Amino acid sequence: MIENEFMKMVPEEFDMNYANTQLEKMKHKRLEGSGKTIPLVMFLFQEIQRFQRIILIVKGWFTDCVQAIDGQIIMSPELAECIKVINNLQVPKPFMYDPSGAEISWLNPSLGGWLGSMVDRHYQLNLWLACKDGYTSRPPSFWLTGFFNPTGFLTAVRQEICRANVKNNWALDAVNQTNLVIGGNRNSFFVPDARLEGKNITEPNEGVYIHGLYLEGAGFEKSGTYLKDSVGKETFFPFPNIQISAECPDADKNKGPGGSKKPVNTGEVWYECPVYRYPQRTDRYFITKLKILAEPKQDQSKTRKQDQSQKETSASINQWKLRGVALICQKD
């Protein structure tokens, strides 16, 4: 079973000479230079390095298990335990943790699910790597779940936007992440992995699209892009893609679009929704917070007393906090 089924699912190793050649070609339409001087290119290189390590670990253990079963090498207690776990269709501990107990890959309760995720992750990295010259070769949207370090990915996006606006007095420590949930137009979609074939997606003018997230604890009105009560017994709601960008409120207002602006009452009430890698809500798996409308946008032509408006806004946000509404990368 190991040799005929599971070993065949393991992707091929990356050719690092080819990978480095491809990385050096990559550019950004608004940044000078190419290759690893571009933040997201460096991020891709680091992800490939980590994934290469996992491929070698998985292939090594599978090979040793097969040889131990055939009597070619000694059946150690570690190999016996690994074979037992595999026969139970569970994930061997060395695939997910190093000897110190530190997490080195991704978590999944079943071996089939873990290997399937491995194939999907390899597909995204390989798709990104097998690019043509220039910026437009980037994937039109990124499957956030498929990265070892999703927080690092979002940081690299902010770095690129900040560097593209350096002439406007943008500074990285003053840049804030912004997001826009895409709903109700041709650029709105949900895909549970990195395979975007058949999707006609236009890249955003600034920032990137991310996709593949699930909303837990509430439903979602796609046309109005706001939270609503969930319907039925579904725990997770497939969430549409999100544009990730950045702004710099502290920039000189006379020297750039990121300048300070007076707050404007737009009638929008925002819930800062936490994003986690797994359903386990721990700091270890926390990625970021994204803003989602907590209720339908209010008509500003209908005036309300300020105190009443603030109370209603607070109640609208608190109901989602109390329900523990969050975005999850992986349901299992």
Foldseek 3Di string as FASTA:
>chain_A
DLVPPVVVLQDDQDPVVLLQVLQLQEDAPLDDHGHCVQLVSVQLVVQSVLLNVLSVQVNVLSVVLVCCVVVNDPCDPLSVVCVVCVVVQAHRPVSQAPPVRDGRADDDGGNVVVSVLSNLLVVQSVQQSPADGYDVSHQQEAQLLSGPASLSNLLSLLVNQQNSCVQQVRDSVQKDKAKDFQADDLQKDADQTSDPPPRDHDHDPGAHKYHNKWKALFEADRNQQETHHDDDDDGTHGGIIMGMHIAGDPGPPVRDPRHHDDDDPFQFQWAFAWEFAEPPDDPVGTRGTHITGLDGRDDVVDDDDPVVVVVVSVVSRVVSVVSNIHMYSDYD
